[in-house]
Amino acid sequence: MPAETQPRTRLRGYVLTADMDCTGEPNPVLLLANHSRLELAGHTLSNGDVLCSGRCMIHGPGTISGGGVIGNGKVTVIRTTIARSPSNGVLAINSRGHGRATIVDSVINDNAMTGVEADRMTKIFRSTIVGNGRYGVSVSVQPFNDCARGRIRSWTSEISGNGLDAVCGTSEICADVAACVGRRNDRPLLHQTSCGNSYELRSGMPGRNCNLCTLD
């Protein structure tokens, strides 16, 4: 266990007691077991990913900078800023296509790939997802996931200004919100949420939008 974390038995988790810069350390820099909770307690974890097994919670206030949160079950992020990851901000996927993500009162910004990506369900509450390289929020298109079963739900949030990578608009279509759309209830539901554009995954290039956002 890193010296900067202390176990909190009742929560099956850990509390960050100081800022941690993990430059040069093996990645991921923190491994959370099933039903674990990491409390950032106002501190910053820099330059490394947090890997979650099963269900886990990242609870702020606090920041993960230069890394993201990777889970193979259900990932919950509360009152946390996740920024400048060289990959995704939050990634929740597994071999059964059951990965889920819930983002509450958080900021997911300036990550190289996608802000939030999950297999089955992504729920966003009062959060800001901006400036990410490919998608703001996306359903996973991994080979083991049935993209058509993925759902995105958002309340009182902003998902805009994403799709900044150099490949966007040239070799790939990027967007603020991306999902597969086949049946009526497949469309993302955005309640009091602003977004710039959307994309129907696997619809080719330039492809179709989901008729959700300002520029669609």
C-alpha atoms as a PDB file:
ATOM      1  CA  MET A   1       0.000   0.000   0.000  1.00  0.00           C
ATOM      2  CA  PRO A   2       1.436   3.442  -0.837  1.00  0.00           C
ATOM      3  CA  ALA A   3       2.496   5.423   2.212  1.00  0.00           C
ATOM      4  CA  GLU A   4       0.119   8.225   1.290  1.00  0.00           C
ATOM      5  CA  THR A   5      -3.021   6.081   1.695  1.00  0.00           C
ATOM      6  CA  GLN A   6      -4.618   4.731   4.845  1.00  0.00           C
ATOM      7  CA  PRO A   7      -7.240   1.984   5.076  1.00  0.00           C
ATOM      8  CA  ARG A   8     -10.721   2.857   6.283  1.00  0.00           C
ATOM      9  CA  THR A   9     -12.188  -0.509   7.223  1.00  0.00           C
ATOM     10  CA  ARG A  10     -15.832   0.475   7.448  1.00  0.00           C
ATOM     11  CA  LEU A  11     -15.781   1.806   3.879  1.00  0.00           C
ATOM     12  CA  ARG A  12     -13.575  -0.974   2.497  1.00  0.00           C
ATOM     13  CA  GLY A  13     -11.482   1.762   1.053  1.00  0.00           C
ATOM     14  CA  TYR A  14      -8.675   4.240   1.322  1.00  0.00           C
ATOM     15  CA  VAL A  15      -8.124   7.922   2.008  1.00  0.00           C
ATOM     16  CA  LEU A  16      -5.495   9.931   0.185  1.00  0.00           C
ATOM     17  CA  THR A  17      -3.686  11.928   2.892  1.00  0.00           C
ATOM     18  CA  ALA A  18      -1.326  13.909   0.626  1.00  0.00           C
ATOM     19  CA  ASP A  19      -0.807  14.743  -3.030  1.00  0.00           C
ATOM     20  CA  MET A  20       0.810  11.861  -4.951  1.00  0.00           C
ATOM     21  CA  ASP A  21       2.974  12.282  -8.051  1.00  0.00           C
ATOM     22  CA  CYS A  22       3.458   8.831  -9.565  1.00  0.00           C
ATOM     23  CA  THR A  23       5.729   9.801 -12.449  1.00  0.00           C
ATOM     24  CA  GLY A  24       7.910   6.837 -13.371  1.00  0.00           C
ATOM     25  CA  GLU A  25       5.908   4.328 -11.318  1.00  0.00           C
ATOM     26  CA  PRO A  26       4.387   1.184 -12.909  1.00  0.00           C
ATOM     27  CA  ASN A  27       0.898   1.865 -14.220  1.00  0.00           C
ATOM     28  CA  PRO A  28      -1.794   1.547 -12.910  1.00  0.00           C
ATOM     29  CA  VAL A  29      -0.527   3.218  -9.764  1.00  0.00           C
ATOM     30  CA  LEU A  30      -3.501   2.291  -7.551  1.00  0.00           C
ATOM     31  CA  LEU A  31      -5.430  -1.001  -7.589  1.00  0.00           C
ATOM     32  CA  LEU A  32      -8.870  -1.022  -5.962  1.00  0.00           C
ATOM     33  CA  ALA A  33     -10.547  -4.326  -5.097  1.00  0.00           C
ATOM     34  CA  ASN A  34     -14.261  -4.980  -5.566  1.00  0.00           C
ATOM     35  CA  HIS A  35     -16.483  -2.760  -3.374  1.00  0.00           C
ATOM     36  CA  SER A  36     -13.632  -0.316  -2.681  1.00  0.00           C
ATOM     37  CA  ARG A  37     -13.805   3.415  -2.181  1.00  0.00           C
ATOM     38  CA  LEU A  38     -10.988   5.905  -2.693  1.00  0.00           C
ATOM     39  CA  GLU A  39     -11.450   9.240  -0.965  1.00  0.00           C
ATOM     40  CA  LEU A  40      -9.256  11.926  -2.478  1.00  0.00           C
ATOM     41  CA  ALA A  41      -9.864  14.242   0.492  1.00  0.00           C
ATOM     42  CA  GLY A  42      -8.946  17.378  -1.448  1.00  0.00           C
ATOM     43  CA  HIS A  43      -5.685  15.972  -2.835  1.00  0.00           C
ATOM     44  CA  THR A  44      -4.327  15.301  -6.327  1.00  0.00           C
ATOM     45  CA  LEU A  45      -3.178  11.977  -7.748  1.00  0.00           C
ATOM     46  CA  SER A  46      -0.869  12.717 -10.690  1.00  0.00           C
ATOM     47  CA  ASN A  47       0.492  10.743 -13.632  1.00  0.00           C
ATOM     48  CA  GLY A  48      -1.073   7.338 -13.222  1.00  0.00           C
ATOM     49  CA  ASP A  49      -4.309   5.381 -13.615  1.00  0.00           C
ATOM     50  CA  VAL A  50      -6.598   4.002 -10.939  1.00  0.00           C
ATOM     51  CA  LEU A  51      -7.692   0.434 -11.750  1.00  0.00           C
ATOM     52  CA  CYS A  52     -11.010  -0.734 -10.276  1.00  0.00           C
ATOM     53  CA  SER A  53     -12.030  -4.372  -9.970  1.00  0.00           C
ATOM     54  CA  GLY A  54     -15.803  -4.891  -9.850  1.00  0.00           C
ATOM     55  CA  ARG A  55     -17.613  -2.012  -8.140  1.00  0.00           C
ATOM     56  CA  CYS A  56     -15.623   0.977  -6.975  1.00  0.00           C
ATOM     57  CA  MET A  57     -16.116   4.624  -6.044  1.00  0.00           C
ATOM     58  CA  ILE A  58     -13.796   7.601  -6.439  1.00  0.00           C
ATOM     59  CA  HIS A  59     -14.981  10.277  -4.021  1.00  0.00           C
ATOM     60  CA  GLY A  60     -13.749  13.868  -3.951  1.00  0.00           C
ATOM     61  CA  PRO A  61     -13.203  16.645  -3.659  1.00  0.00           C
ATOM     62  CA  GLY A  62      -9.961  16.012  -5.434  1.00  0.00           C
ATOM     63  CA  THR A  63      -8.207  15.573  -8.773  1.00  0.00           C
ATOM     64  CA  ILE A  64      -6.753  12.798 -10.887  1.00  0.00           C
ATOM     65  CA  SER A  65      -4.364  14.465 -13.335  1.00  0.00           C
ATOM     66  CA  GLY A  66      -2.378  12.753 -16.068  1.00  0.00           C
ATOM     67  CA  GLY A  67      -4.284   9.511 -15.587  1.00  0.00           C
ATOM     68  CA  GLY A  68      -7.780   8.104 -15.584  1.00  0.00           C
ATOM     69  CA  VAL A  69     -10.056   5.590 -13.895  1.00  0.00           C
ATOM     70  CA  ILE A  70     -10.317   2.151 -15.505  1.00  0.00           C
ATOM     71  CA  GLY A  71     -12.918  -0.322 -14.282  1.00  0.00           C
ATOM     72  CA  ASN A  72     -14.229  -3.737 -15.276  1.00  0.00           C
ATOM     73  CA  GLY A  73     -17.546  -3.397 -13.457  1.00  0.00           C
ATOM     74  CA  LYS A  74     -19.379  -0.345 -12.125  1.00  0.00           C
ATOM     75  CA  VAL A  75     -17.350   2.844 -11.664  1.00  0.00           C
ATOM     76  CA  THR A  76     -18.790   5.788  -9.694  1.00  0.00           C
ATOM     77  CA  VAL A  77     -17.013   9.158  -9.672  1.00  0.00           C
ATOM     78  CA  ILE A  78     -18.225  11.878  -7.291  1.00  0.00           C
ATOM     79  CA  ARG A  79     -16.950  15.470  -6.915  1.00  0.00           C
ATOM     80  CA  THR A  80     -13.746  14.714  -8.793  1.00  0.00           C
ATOM     81  CA  THR A  81     -11.807  16.348 -11.612  1.00  0.00           C
ATOM     82  CA  ILE A  82     -10.186  13.898 -14.052  1.00  0.00           C
ATOM     83  CA  ALA A  83      -7.942  15.703 -16.501  1.00  0.00           C
ATOM     84  CA  ARG A  84      -5.123  15.273 -19.000  1.00  0.00           C
ATOM     85  CA  SER A  85      -5.087  11.491 -19.134  1.00  0.00           C
ATOM     86  CA  PRO A  86      -3.058  10.210 -22.118  1.00  0.00           C
ATOM     87  CA  SER A  87      -6.005   7.886 -22.770  1.00  0.00           C
ATOM     88  CA  ASN A  88      -9.590   7.982 -21.424  1.00  0.00           C
ATOM     89  CA  GLY A  89     -10.864   9.880 -18.425  1.00  0.00           C
ATOM     90  CA  VAL A  90     -13.199   7.092 -17.243  1.00  0.00           C
ATOM     91  CA  LEU A  91     -13.362   3.678 -18.940  1.00  0.00           C
ATOM     92  CA  ALA A  92     -15.778   0.964 -17.730  1.00  0.00           C
ATOM     93  CA  ILE A  93     -15.676  -2.172 -19.884  1.00  0.00           C
ATOM     94  CA  ASN A  94     -15.496  -5.934 -19.415  1.00  0.00           C
ATOM     95  CA  SER A  95     -15.583  -9.125 -21.473  1.00  0.00           C
ATOM     96  CA  ARG A  96     -19.357  -9.523 -20.916  1.00  0.00           C
ATOM     97  CA  GLY A  97     -20.135  -5.996 -22.079  1.00  0.00           C
ATOM     98  CA  HIS A  98     -21.558  -5.025 -18.674  1.00  0.00           C
ATOM     99  CA  GLY A  99     -19.341  -2.075 -17.706  1.00  0.00           C
ATOM    100  CA  ARG A 100     -21.207   0.898 -16.178  1.00  0.00           C
ATOM    101  CA  ALA A 101     -20.214   4.414 -15.176  1.00  0.00           C
ATOM    102  CA  THR A 102     -21.882   7.038 -12.986  1.00  0.00           C
ATOM    103  CA  ILE A 103     -20.483  10.568 -12.854  1.00  0.00           C
ATOM    104  CA  VAL A 104     -21.770  13.002 -10.207  1.00  0.00           C
ATOM    105  CA  ASP A 105     -20.790  16.660  -9.627  1.00  0.00           C
ATOM    106  CA  SER A 106     -17.514  16.131 -11.480  1.00  0.00           C
ATOM    107  CA  VAL A 107     -15.378  17.593 -14.272  1.00  0.00           C
ATOM    108  CA  ILE A 108     -13.887  15.322 -16.955  1.00  0.00           C
ATOM    109  CA  ASN A 109     -11.725  17.444 -19.230  1.00  0.00           C
ATOM    110  CA  ASP A 110      -8.752  17.554 -21.594  1.00  0.00           C
ATOM    111  CA  ASN A 111      -8.198  13.795 -21.794  1.00  0.00           C
ATOM    112  CA  ALA A 112      -6.519  12.502 -24.947  1.00  0.00           C
ATOM    113  CA  MET A 113      -9.225  10.033 -25.939  1.00  0.00           C
ATOM    114  CA  THR A 114     -12.792   9.876 -24.560  1.00  0.00           C
ATOM    115  CA  GLY A 115     -14.071  11.593 -21.447  1.00  0.00           C
ATOM    116  CA  VAL A 116     -16.354   8.738 -20.317  1.00  0.00           C
ATOM    117  CA  GLU A 117     -16.792   5.391 -22.090  1.00  0.00           C
ATOM    118  CA  ALA A 118     -18.830   2.431 -20.839  1.00  0.00           C
ATOM    119  CA  ASP A 119     -20.445  -0.720 -22.195  1.00  0.00           C
ATOM    120  CA  ARG A 120     -23.960  -0.778 -20.858  1.00  0.00           C
ATOM    121  CA  MET A 121     -25.006   2.379 -18.995  1.00  0.00           C
ATOM    122  CA  THR A 122     -23.530   5.806 -18.337  1.00  0.00           C
ATOM    123  CA  LYS A 123     -25.325   8.191 -15.970  1.00  0.00           C
ATOM    124  CA  ILE A 124     -24.178  11.787 -15.579  1.00  0.00           C
ATOM    125  CA  PHE A 125     -25.448  14.212 -12.938  1.00  0.00           C
ATOM    126  CA  ARG A 126     -24.517  17.906 -12.685  1.00  0.00           C
ATOM    127  CA  SER A 127     -21.156  17.396 -14.371  1.00  0.00           C
ATOM    128  CA  THR A 128     -19.003  19.006 -17.059  1.00  0.00           C
ATOM    129  CA  ILE A 129     -17.333  16.929 -19.780  1.00  0.00           C
ATOM    130  CA  VAL A 130     -15.346  19.172 -22.122  1.00  0.00           C
ATOM    131  CA  GLY A 131     -12.195  19.348 -24.230  1.00  0.00           C
ATOM    132  CA  ASN A 132     -11.594  15.613 -24.638  1.00  0.00           C
ATOM    133  CA  GLY A 133      -9.825  14.303 -27.732  1.00  0.00           C
ATOM    134  CA  ARG A 134     -12.352  11.949 -29.369  1.00  0.00           C
ATOM    135  CA  TYR A 135     -15.760  11.769 -27.625  1.00  0.00           C
ATOM    136  CA  GLY A 136     -17.171  13.434 -24.572  1.00  0.00           C
ATOM    137  CA  VAL A 137     -19.361  10.453 -23.612  1.00  0.00           C
ATOM    138  CA  SER A 138     -19.511   7.257 -25.652  1.00  0.00           C
ATOM    139  CA  VAL A 139     -20.838   3.734 -25.596  1.00  0.00           C
ATOM    140  CA  SER A 140     -18.023   1.218 -25.975  1.00  0.00           C
ATOM    141  CA  VAL A 141     -17.527  -0.328 -29.405  1.00  0.00           C
ATOM    142  CA  GLN A 142     -15.166  -3.024 -28.157  1.00  0.00           C
ATOM    143  CA  PRO A 143     -15.645  -6.329 -30.070  1.00  0.00           C
ATOM    144  CA  PHE A 144     -17.089  -8.030 -26.980  1.00  0.00           C
ATOM    145  CA  ASN A 145     -19.750  -5.360 -26.406  1.00  0.00           C
ATOM    146  CA  ASP A 146     -23.150  -5.109 -28.096  1.00  0.00           C
ATOM    147  CA  CYS A 147     -23.095  -1.377 -28.724  1.00  0.00           C
ATOM    148  CA  ALA A 148     -26.852  -1.320 -29.369  1.00  0.00           C
ATOM    149  CA  ARG A 149     -27.466  -2.182 -25.703  1.00  0.00           C
ATOM    150  CA  GLY A 150     -25.493   0.795 -24.451  1.00  0.00           C
ATOM    151  CA  ARG A 151     -27.321   3.714 -22.838  1.00  0.00           C
ATOM    152  CA  ILE A 152     -26.369   7.287 -21.995  1.00  0.00           C
ATOM    153  CA  ARG A 153     -28.422   9.346 -19.540  1.00  0.00           C
ATOM    154  CA  SER A 154     -27.551  12.861 -18.410  1.00  0.00           C
ATOM    155  CA  TRP A 155     -29.129  15.411 -16.088  1.00  0.00           C
ATOM    156  CA  THR A 156     -28.214  19.106 -15.671  1.00  0.00           C
ATOM    157  CA  SER A 157     -24.780  18.799 -17.260  1.00  0.00           C
ATOM    158  CA  GLU A 158     -22.578  20.158 -20.040  1.00  0.00           C
ATOM    159  CA  ILE A 159     -21.042  17.873 -22.664  1.00  0.00           C
ATOM    160  CA  SER A 160     -19.412  20.123 -25.239  1.00  0.00           C
ATOM    161  CA  GLY A 161     -16.212  21.140 -26.991  1.00  0.00           C
ATOM    162  CA  ASN A 162     -14.946  17.577 -27.378  1.00  0.00           C
ATOM    163  CA  GLY A 163     -13.478  15.979 -30.518  1.00  0.00           C
ATOM    164  CA  LEU A 164     -10.242  17.980 -30.548  1.00  0.00           C
ATOM    165  CA  ASP A 165      -7.875  15.228 -31.705  1.00  0.00           C
ATOM    166  CA  ALA A 166      -6.146  15.726 -35.056  1.00  0.00           C
ATOM    167  CA  VAL A 167      -7.852  12.631 -36.508  1.00  0.00           C
ATOM    168  CA  CYS A 168     -11.332  14.059 -35.917  1.00  0.00           C
ATOM    169  CA  GLY A 169     -12.978  14.903 -39.211  1.00  0.00           C
ATOM    170  CA  THR A 170     -10.212  13.263 -41.236  1.00  0.00           C
ATOM    171  CA  SER A 171      -9.966   9.544 -40.460  1.00  0.00           C
ATOM    172  CA  GLU A 172     -12.549   9.404 -37.654  1.00  0.00           C
ATOM    173  CA  ILE A 173     -15.791  11.073 -36.659  1.00  0.00           C
ATOM    174  CA  CYS A 174     -15.679  12.543 -33.169  1.00  0.00           C
ATOM    175  CA  ALA A 175     -18.503  14.061 -31.142  1.00  0.00           C
ATOM    176  CA  ASP A 176     -19.689  15.156 -27.731  1.00  0.00           C
ATOM    177  CA  VAL A 177     -22.125  12.239 -27.418  1.00  0.00           C
ATOM    178  CA  ALA A 178     -21.797   8.934 -29.307  1.00  0.00           C
ATOM    179  CA  ALA A 179     -24.078   5.886 -29.182  1.00  0.00           C
ATOM    180  CA  CYS A 180     -25.538   3.184 -31.377  1.00  0.00           C
ATOM    181  CA  VAL A 181     -29.102   3.967 -32.404  1.00  0.00           C
ATOM    182  CA  GLY A 182     -31.427   1.238 -33.637  1.00  0.00           C
ATOM    183  CA  ARG A 183     -34.534   1.104 -31.526  1.00  0.00           C
ATOM    184  CA  ARG A 184     -36.391   4.093 -30.154  1.00  0.00           C
ATOM    185  CA  ASN A 185     -35.043   3.767 -26.629  1.00  0.00           C
ATOM    186  CA  ASP A 186     -31.431   3.524 -27.822  1.00  0.00           C
ATOM    187  CA  ARG A 187     -31.122   7.293 -28.199  1.00  0.00           C
ATOM    188  CA  PRO A 188     -29.251   9.038 -25.385  1.00  0.00           C
ATOM    189  CA  LEU A 189     -31.541  10.969 -23.063  1.00  0.00           C
ATOM    190  CA  LEU A 190     -30.171  14.376 -22.128  1.00  0.00           C
ATOM    191  CA  HIS A 191     -32.225  16.194 -19.489  1.00  0.00           C
ATOM    192  CA  GLN A 192     -31.285  19.874 -19.119  1.00  0.00           C
ATOM    193  CA  THR A 193     -27.934  19.012 -20.679  1.00  0.00           C
ATOM    194  CA  SER A 194     -26.162  21.055 -23.330  1.00  0.00           C
ATOM    195  CA  CYS A 195     -24.130  19.357 -26.051  1.00  0.00           C
ATOM    196  CA  GLY A 196     -22.639  20.514 -29.332  1.00  0.00           C
ATOM    197  CA  ASN A 197     -22.934  17.453 -31.564  1.00  0.00           C
ATOM    198  CA  SER A 198     -23.662  13.740 -31.533  1.00  0.00           C
ATOM    199  CA  TYR A 199     -22.733  10.724 -33.638  1.00  0.00           C
ATOM    200  CA  GLU A 200     -24.397   7.397 -34.315  1.00  0.00           C
ATOM    201  CA  LEU A 201     -21.623   4.881 -33.803  1.00  0.00           C
ATOM    202  CA  ARG A 202     -20.904   2.487 -36.678  1.00  0.00           C
ATOM    203  CA  SER A 203     -22.798   4.685 -39.132  1.00  0.00           C
ATOM    204  CA  GLY A 204     -19.691   5.349 -41.191  1.00  0.00           C
ATOM    205  CA  MET A 205     -18.154   8.624 -42.290  1.00  0.00           C
ATOM    206  CA  PRO A 206     -19.488  11.274 -42.263  1.00  0.00           C
ATOM    207  CA  GLY A 207     -22.238   9.136 -40.728  1.00  0.00           C
ATOM    208  CA  ARG A 208     -25.436  10.121 -38.949  1.00  0.00           C
ATOM    209  CA  ASN A 209     -26.104  12.141 -35.851  1.00  0.00           C
ATOM    210  CA  CYS A 210     -28.560  11.266 -33.077  1.00  0.00           C
ATOM    211  CA  ASN A 211     -30.562  14.484 -33.438  1.00  0.00           C
ATOM    212  CA  LEU A 212     -29.800  15.514 -29.877  1.00  0.00           C
ATOM    213  CA  CYS A 213     -27.431  18.445 -29.799  1.00  0.00           C
ATOM    214  CA  THR A 214     -27.240  22.038 -30.948  1.00  0.00           C
ATOM    215  CA  LEU A 215     -25.270  21.375 -34.140  1.00  0.00           C
ATOM    216  CA  ASP A 216     -27.002  18.139 -35.186  1.00  0.00           C
END
